[in-house]
Protein backbone atom coordinates (compact mmCIF):
# COMPACT_ATOMS: atom_id res chain seq x y z
CA MET A 1 -12.54 -7.08 14.79
CA ALA A 2 -9.71 -5.91 12.49
CA GLU A 3 -6.85 -3.85 13.90
CA ILE A 4 -5.96 -2.45 10.45
CA TRP A 5 -8.38 -1.49 7.69
CA THR A 6 -7.76 -0.11 4.27
CA MET A 7 -9.89 0.98 1.32
CA GLY A 8 -8.73 1.08 -2.21
CA GLU A 9 -8.25 -0.62 -5.55
CA MET A 10 -8.21 -4.35 -5.88
CA LEU A 11 -6.96 -5.69 -9.15
CA VAL A 12 -4.94 -8.43 -10.81
CA GLU A 13 -1.57 -7.87 -12.38
CA ILE A 14 -0.44 -9.25 -15.74
CA MET A 15 3.32 -9.08 -15.88
CA ARG A 16 6.12 -9.35 -18.43
CA PRO A 17 8.27 -12.36 -17.46
CA SER A 18 11.54 -10.52 -17.84
CA GLU A 19 13.04 -7.01 -17.81
CA GLY A 20 13.13 -4.68 -20.73
CA VAL A 21 10.15 -5.94 -22.70
CA GLU A 22 7.98 -2.93 -23.69
CA LEU A 23 4.27 -3.24 -23.27
CA TYR A 24 3.79 -2.37 -26.91
CA ASP A 25 5.93 -5.27 -28.08
CA GLN A 26 4.43 -8.65 -28.83
CA GLY A 27 5.45 -11.19 -26.25
CA SER A 28 4.49 -13.30 -23.29
CA PHE A 29 2.84 -12.24 -20.01
CA LEU A 30 2.48 -14.01 -16.72
CA GLY A 31 -0.50 -13.83 -14.39
CA PRO A 32 -3.00 -13.15 -13.15
CA PHE A 33 -1.46 -12.18 -9.80
CA PRO A 34 -3.55 -10.75 -6.95
CA SER A 35 -2.57 -7.11 -6.56
CA GLY A 36 -3.52 -3.50 -5.82
CA ALA A 37 -1.37 -1.53 -3.33
CA PRO A 38 -3.99 -1.58 -0.53
CA ALA A 39 -4.55 -5.30 -1.05
CA ILE A 40 -0.79 -6.05 -0.83
CA CYS A 41 -0.44 -4.00 2.32
CA ILE A 42 -3.40 -5.51 4.12
CA ASP A 43 -2.45 -9.03 3.01
CA THR A 44 0.96 -8.56 4.58
CA ALA A 45 -0.60 -7.48 7.88
CA ALA A 46 -2.90 -10.50 7.89
CA LYS A 47 0.00 -12.91 7.08
CA LEU A 48 1.87 -11.43 10.06
CA GLY A 49 -0.97 -12.54 12.33
CA HIS A 50 -2.94 -9.26 12.70
CA PRO A 51 -6.67 -8.96 12.10
CA ALA A 52 -6.96 -6.85 8.95
CA GLY A 53 -9.71 -5.92 6.46
CA ILE A 54 -10.23 -4.28 3.13
CA ILE A 55 -12.98 -2.20 1.61
CA GLY A 56 -12.96 -2.44 -2.20
CA GLY A 57 -14.52 -4.09 -5.25
CA VAL A 58 -14.02 -6.95 -7.66
CA GLY A 59 -16.04 -8.41 -10.50
CA ASP A 60 -18.01 -11.60 -10.11
CA ASP A 61 -15.52 -13.27 -12.41
CA ASP A 62 -12.40 -15.44 -12.35
CA PHE A 63 -10.03 -12.53 -11.73
CA GLY A 64 -12.18 -11.49 -8.77
CA LYS A 65 -12.07 -15.07 -7.48
CA CYS A 66 -8.26 -14.96 -7.83
CA LEU A 67 -8.16 -11.94 -5.55
CA LEU A 68 -10.71 -13.01 -2.93
CA ASP A 69 -9.42 -16.54 -2.68
CA ARG A 70 -5.92 -15.26 -1.89
CA LEU A 71 -6.96 -12.56 0.57
CA GLU A 72 -9.44 -14.73 2.43
CA ALA A 73 -6.96 -17.61 2.59
CA ASP A 74 -4.44 -15.25 4.18
CA GLY A 75 -7.03 -14.15 6.75
CA VAL A 76 -8.12 -10.76 5.37
CA ASP A 77 -11.64 -9.62 6.31
CA CYS A 78 -13.39 -9.12 2.94
CA ARG A 79 -17.01 -8.58 4.08
CA HIS A 80 -16.92 -5.04 2.74
CA VAL A 81 -15.74 -6.03 -0.73
CA LEU A 82 -18.28 -5.34 -3.47
CA LYS A 83 -18.73 -8.28 -5.87
CA SER A 84 -20.12 -6.77 -9.06
CA LYS A 85 -22.03 -8.71 -11.66
CA LYS A 86 -22.04 -5.73 -14.05
CA ASN A 87 -18.37 -4.99 -14.53
CA SER A 88 -15.10 -6.92 -14.65
CA THR A 89 -12.30 -6.92 -12.11
CA GLY A 90 -9.58 -4.27 -12.58
CA VAL A 91 -6.37 -5.21 -14.35
CA ALA A 92 -2.86 -3.69 -14.49
CA PHE A 93 -0.31 -4.66 -17.13
CA VAL A 94 3.28 -4.16 -15.93
CA THR A 95 6.78 -4.25 -17.35
CA TYR A 96 10.17 -3.69 -15.75
CA PHE A 97 13.47 -2.22 -16.81
CA GLU A 98 17.04 -2.86 -15.68
CA ASP A 99 17.25 0.45 -13.81
CA GLY A 100 14.37 -0.62 -11.53
CA SER A 101 11.75 1.57 -13.18
CA ARG A 102 8.31 0.23 -14.16
CA LYS A 103 5.66 1.06 -16.65
CA PHE A 104 1.92 0.33 -16.15
CA ILE A 105 -1.21 0.27 -18.21
CA PHE A 106 -4.22 0.34 -15.85
CA HIS A 107 -7.74 -0.77 -16.62
CA MET A 108 -9.53 0.50 -13.53
CA GLY A 109 -11.76 3.40 -14.49
CA ASN A 110 -14.97 1.50 -15.15
CA THR A 111 -14.33 -1.51 -12.93
CA PRO A 112 -15.40 -2.47 -9.44
CA ALA A 113 -11.92 -1.49 -8.27
CA VAL A 114 -13.22 2.09 -8.00
CA GLU A 115 -16.92 1.46 -7.43
CA ALA A 116 -16.91 0.56 -3.68
CA LYS A 117 -18.88 2.84 -1.40
CA ALA A 118 -18.14 3.89 2.16
CA PRO A 119 -19.81 1.49 4.58
CA ALA A 120 -22.59 2.73 6.85
CA GLU A 121 -21.11 4.30 9.99
CA ALA A 122 -22.75 1.54 12.10
CA GLU A 123 -20.74 -1.03 10.14
CA ILE A 124 -17.39 0.61 10.93
CA ASP A 125 -15.44 -1.20 13.61
CA GLU A 126 -12.98 0.31 16.02
CA ALA A 127 -9.45 -0.15 14.68
CA LYS A 128 -5.87 0.88 15.43
CA PHE A 129 -5.15 2.20 11.94
CA PHE A 130 -6.98 3.08 8.74
CA HIS A 131 -4.42 2.92 5.97
CA ILE A 132 -4.70 4.91 2.70
CA MET A 133 -2.76 4.57 -0.50
CA GLY A 134 -2.37 7.63 -2.72
CA CYS A 135 -2.83 5.57 -5.90
CA SER A 136 -6.37 4.76 -4.70
CA LEU A 137 -7.11 8.47 -4.30
CA MET A 138 -5.93 9.06 -7.94
CA ALA A 139 -7.88 6.25 -9.54
CA ASN A 140 -11.25 8.00 -9.63
CA PRO A 141 -12.56 11.25 -8.09
CA ASP A 142 -15.78 9.73 -6.82
CA PHE A 143 -13.90 6.84 -5.28
CA ALA A 144 -11.51 9.26 -3.62
CA GLU A 145 -14.48 10.99 -1.99
CA GLU A 146 -15.72 7.65 -0.68
CA ILE A 147 -12.25 6.90 0.81
CA LEU A 148 -12.19 10.30 2.53
CA LYS A 149 -15.70 9.69 3.91
CA THR A 150 -14.60 6.29 5.25
CA MET A 151 -11.43 7.84 6.68
CA LYS A 152 -13.54 10.32 8.70
CA MET A 153 -15.70 7.57 10.08
CA PHE A 154 -12.70 5.48 11.18
CA ARG A 155 -11.14 8.52 12.81
CA LYS A 156 -14.38 9.11 14.67
CA LYS A 157 -14.11 5.55 16.02
CA GLY A 158 -10.59 6.22 17.25
CA ALA A 159 -8.41 4.94 14.43
CA LYS A 160 -5.19 6.70 13.50
CA ILE A 161 -4.62 7.45 9.79
CA SER A 162 -1.55 6.07 8.03
CA PHE A 163 -0.79 7.20 4.50
CA ASP A 164 1.56 6.09 1.72
CA PRO A 165 1.24 8.60 -1.17
CA ASN A 166 2.28 5.85 -3.62
CA VAL A 167 2.14 8.29 -6.55
CA ARG A 168 1.57 6.70 -9.95
CA PRO A 169 2.54 9.11 -12.76
CA GLU A 170 0.02 7.37 -15.04
CA LEU A 171 -2.81 8.39 -12.65
CA PHE A 172 -1.63 11.70 -11.13
CA THR A 173 -3.63 14.85 -11.75
CA PRO A 174 -3.68 18.33 -10.13
CA GLU A 175 -6.93 17.36 -8.44
CA SER A 176 -5.15 14.46 -6.79
CA MET A 177 -2.94 16.85 -4.86
CA LYS A 178 -5.97 18.48 -3.22
CA THR A 179 -7.20 15.11 -2.03
CA ILE A 180 -3.72 14.14 -0.79
CA GLN A 181 -3.61 17.30 1.28
CA GLU A 182 -6.95 16.38 2.87
CA VAL A 183 -5.47 13.11 4.07
CA LEU A 184 -2.21 14.72 5.26
CA LYS A 185 -4.17 17.03 7.56
CA VAL A 186 -5.18 14.04 9.71
CA CYS A 187 -2.26 11.69 9.04
CA SER A 188 -0.45 10.24 12.03
CA VAL A 189 1.94 7.91 10.21
CA TYR A 190 3.28 9.11 6.83
CA LEU A 191 5.29 6.74 4.55
CA PRO A 192 6.45 8.52 1.40
CA GLY A 193 9.33 7.89 -0.97
CA VAL A 194 11.92 10.65 -1.46
CA GLU A 195 10.47 12.10 -4.66
CA GLU A 196 6.96 11.87 -3.31
CA LEU A 197 7.99 13.76 -0.12
CA LEU A 198 9.63 16.54 -2.16
CA THR A 199 6.80 16.78 -4.69
CA ILE A 200 3.98 16.88 -2.21
CA SER A 201 5.74 19.20 0.25
CA GLY A 202 6.90 21.58 -2.49
CA GLU A 203 10.35 21.74 -0.86
CA LYS A 204 13.69 21.24 -2.49
CA THR A 205 15.49 19.33 0.29
CA VAL A 206 14.50 16.38 2.41
CA GLU A 207 15.38 18.32 5.57
CA ASP A 208 13.07 21.18 4.69
CA ALA A 209 10.30 18.75 3.55
CA VAL A 210 10.46 16.79 6.81
CA LYS A 211 10.38 20.01 8.82
CA LYS A 212 7.34 21.19 6.93
CA CYS A 213 5.51 17.88 7.45
CA PHE A 214 5.98 18.16 11.20
CA GLU A 215 4.26 21.50 11.25
CA ASN A 216 1.16 19.28 11.27
CA PRO A 217 0.44 18.67 14.97
CA VAL A 218 -1.29 15.35 14.19
CA LEU A 219 1.73 13.76 12.50
CA GLU A 220 3.67 11.45 14.84
CA ILE A 221 5.97 9.41 12.54
CA LEU A 222 7.40 10.00 9.07
CA VAL A 223 9.05 6.99 7.39
CA LEU A 224 11.08 8.03 4.36
CA LYS A 225 11.45 5.02 2.09
CA ASN A 226 14.36 5.01 -0.29
CA GLY A 227 14.44 1.58 -1.97
CA SER A 228 17.79 -0.18 -1.83
CA ARG A 229 19.15 2.60 0.37
CA GLY A 230 16.80 1.61 3.19
CA SER A 231 14.64 4.03 5.10
CA VAL A 232 14.79 6.77 7.67
CA ILE A 233 12.23 7.08 10.45
CA TYR A 234 11.60 10.57 11.71
CA THR A 235 9.83 11.82 14.80
CA ARG A 236 10.07 15.33 16.30
CA GLU A 237 12.72 14.06 18.66
CA GLU A 238 14.77 11.54 16.65
CA GLN A 239 15.96 10.21 13.32
CA ILE A 240 16.56 6.50 12.88
CA GLN A 241 18.33 4.89 9.92
CA VAL A 242 17.10 1.45 8.88
CA GLY A 243 18.99 -0.72 6.38
CA ILE A 244 17.79 -3.40 4.05
CA TYR A 245 18.15 -7.21 3.95
CA LYS A 246 19.83 -8.35 0.77
CA VAL A 247 18.01 -10.94 -1.28
CA GLU A 248 18.08 -12.08 -4.86
CA ALA A 249 15.49 -9.67 -6.20
CA LYS A 250 12.92 -11.19 -8.58
CA ASP A 251 10.19 -8.54 -8.51
CA ALA A 252 10.12 -5.23 -6.57
CA THR A 253 6.37 -4.74 -7.10
CA GLY A 254 4.60 -4.52 -3.76
CA ALA A 255 7.74 -4.21 -1.63
CA GLY A 256 6.78 -0.75 -0.38
CA ASP A 257 3.25 -1.87 0.26
CA SER A 258 4.44 -4.83 2.25
CA PHE A 259 6.76 -2.49 4.19
CA ASP A 260 3.74 -0.41 5.17
CA GLY A 261 1.75 -3.35 6.41
CA ALA A 262 4.59 -4.80 8.43
CA PHE A 263 5.52 -1.36 9.92
CA LEU A 264 1.97 -0.88 11.22
CA CYS A 265 2.05 -4.37 12.66
CA GLY A 266 5.27 -3.47 14.51
CA LEU A 267 3.67 -0.34 15.93
CA ILE A 268 0.64 -2.30 17.12
CA GLU A 269 2.91 -4.87 18.75
CA GLY A 270 4.59 -2.07 20.76
CA LYS A 271 7.98 -2.51 19.12
CA SER A 272 10.53 0.30 19.13
CA LEU A 273 10.64 2.36 15.94
CA LEU A 274 13.91 0.69 14.99
CA GLU A 275 12.44 -2.78 15.44
CA ALA A 276 9.29 -1.83 13.55
CA GLY A 277 11.46 -0.47 10.74
CA ARG A 278 13.56 -3.62 10.64
CA MET A 279 10.41 -5.77 10.63
CA ALA A 280 9.09 -3.76 7.70
CA ALA A 281 12.43 -3.98 5.77
CA ALA A 282 12.37 -7.77 6.25
CA ALA A 283 8.84 -8.08 4.93
CA ALA A 284 9.71 -5.93 1.92
CA SER A 285 12.75 -8.08 1.17
CA ILE A 286 10.82 -11.29 1.45
CA ASN A 287 8.30 -9.85 -0.98
CA THR A 288 11.01 -8.77 -3.42
CA ALA A 289 12.50 -12.28 -3.50
CA ALA A 290 9.33 -13.70 -5.10
CA PHE A 291 7.84 -13.01 -8.56
CA GLY A 292 4.43 -11.42 -8.19
CA PRO A 293 3.14 -8.54 -6.07
CA MET A 294 2.05 -10.54 -3.03
CA GLU A 295 3.72 -13.86 -3.66
CA GLY A 296 6.40 -13.48 -0.95
CA ARG A 297 6.40 -16.08 1.83
CA THR A 298 5.73 -13.45 4.46
CA THR A 299 5.19 -15.08 7.86
CA LYS A 300 6.13 -14.10 11.38
CA GLU A 301 8.70 -16.87 11.38
CA ASN A 302 10.28 -15.84 8.02
CA VAL A 303 10.38 -12.20 9.05
CA LYS A 304 12.08 -13.06 12.38
CA LYS A 305 14.52 -15.34 10.55
CA MET A 306 15.51 -12.57 8.16
CA MET A 307 15.89 -10.02 10.98
CA ASN A 308 18.27 -12.49 12.72
CA GLN A 309 20.62 -12.72 9.67
């Protein structure tokens, strides 16, 4: 029985091998790499020793095999993953720039990445958390509805909802905001970036945005992620600053998703918020030190070693 479940896009990533190469330029790519924000998050949780599962879809093709082989090898429960014979596995093409920004071209709209349906309620296990990524809500309106339906079933079984808005400008629409607000109403653990927090709250300052978020009586923890500046964990009673672990960065893709997975593991293990935050920061750094969205050598031992530096 998985402690953490997620539902969202599963895809492979095809990446430029170095910074500053535009996607429209002729040149080399590397890949395929297993990816998709929900997949990266749940893979991290599994690698840290927690039963974890994903609801999603892949094609019955080599890219789908790439994804399923990795997730299953790392211990992720994939019994609710649709394996389509009609359509191909989703793909994202990615390039990076020196300022840390990224540009994506997504091929998800008519792929199994957004075709998975909510499981029957009888198939929903009890879990500690059901984790949602905002990019999954933006990928396809029908898929977003299936995620909301699944969210309600997991809540009914006692799971808390954790949410990373993970806004992708390439996918964002005004309709997406309505769906995000539906998730926020029942969210217990909220993990936005600074710009996401301000955009979604409609406030101009972090202080006002955090205050507005905690008007929701369900919200327990807000983790404000700020890249190389670390993170700040908020509750109604306290504010905790968490730093980063310096590594030679090779690829920042998936760092925030790994952070989410590790933070939830820390909460499940009963760690203090500071320790859970440090655990998450260590997992994110390990992920950043490897090229590829989920290629980091994330293990309990490596996370502990980094935290002891």
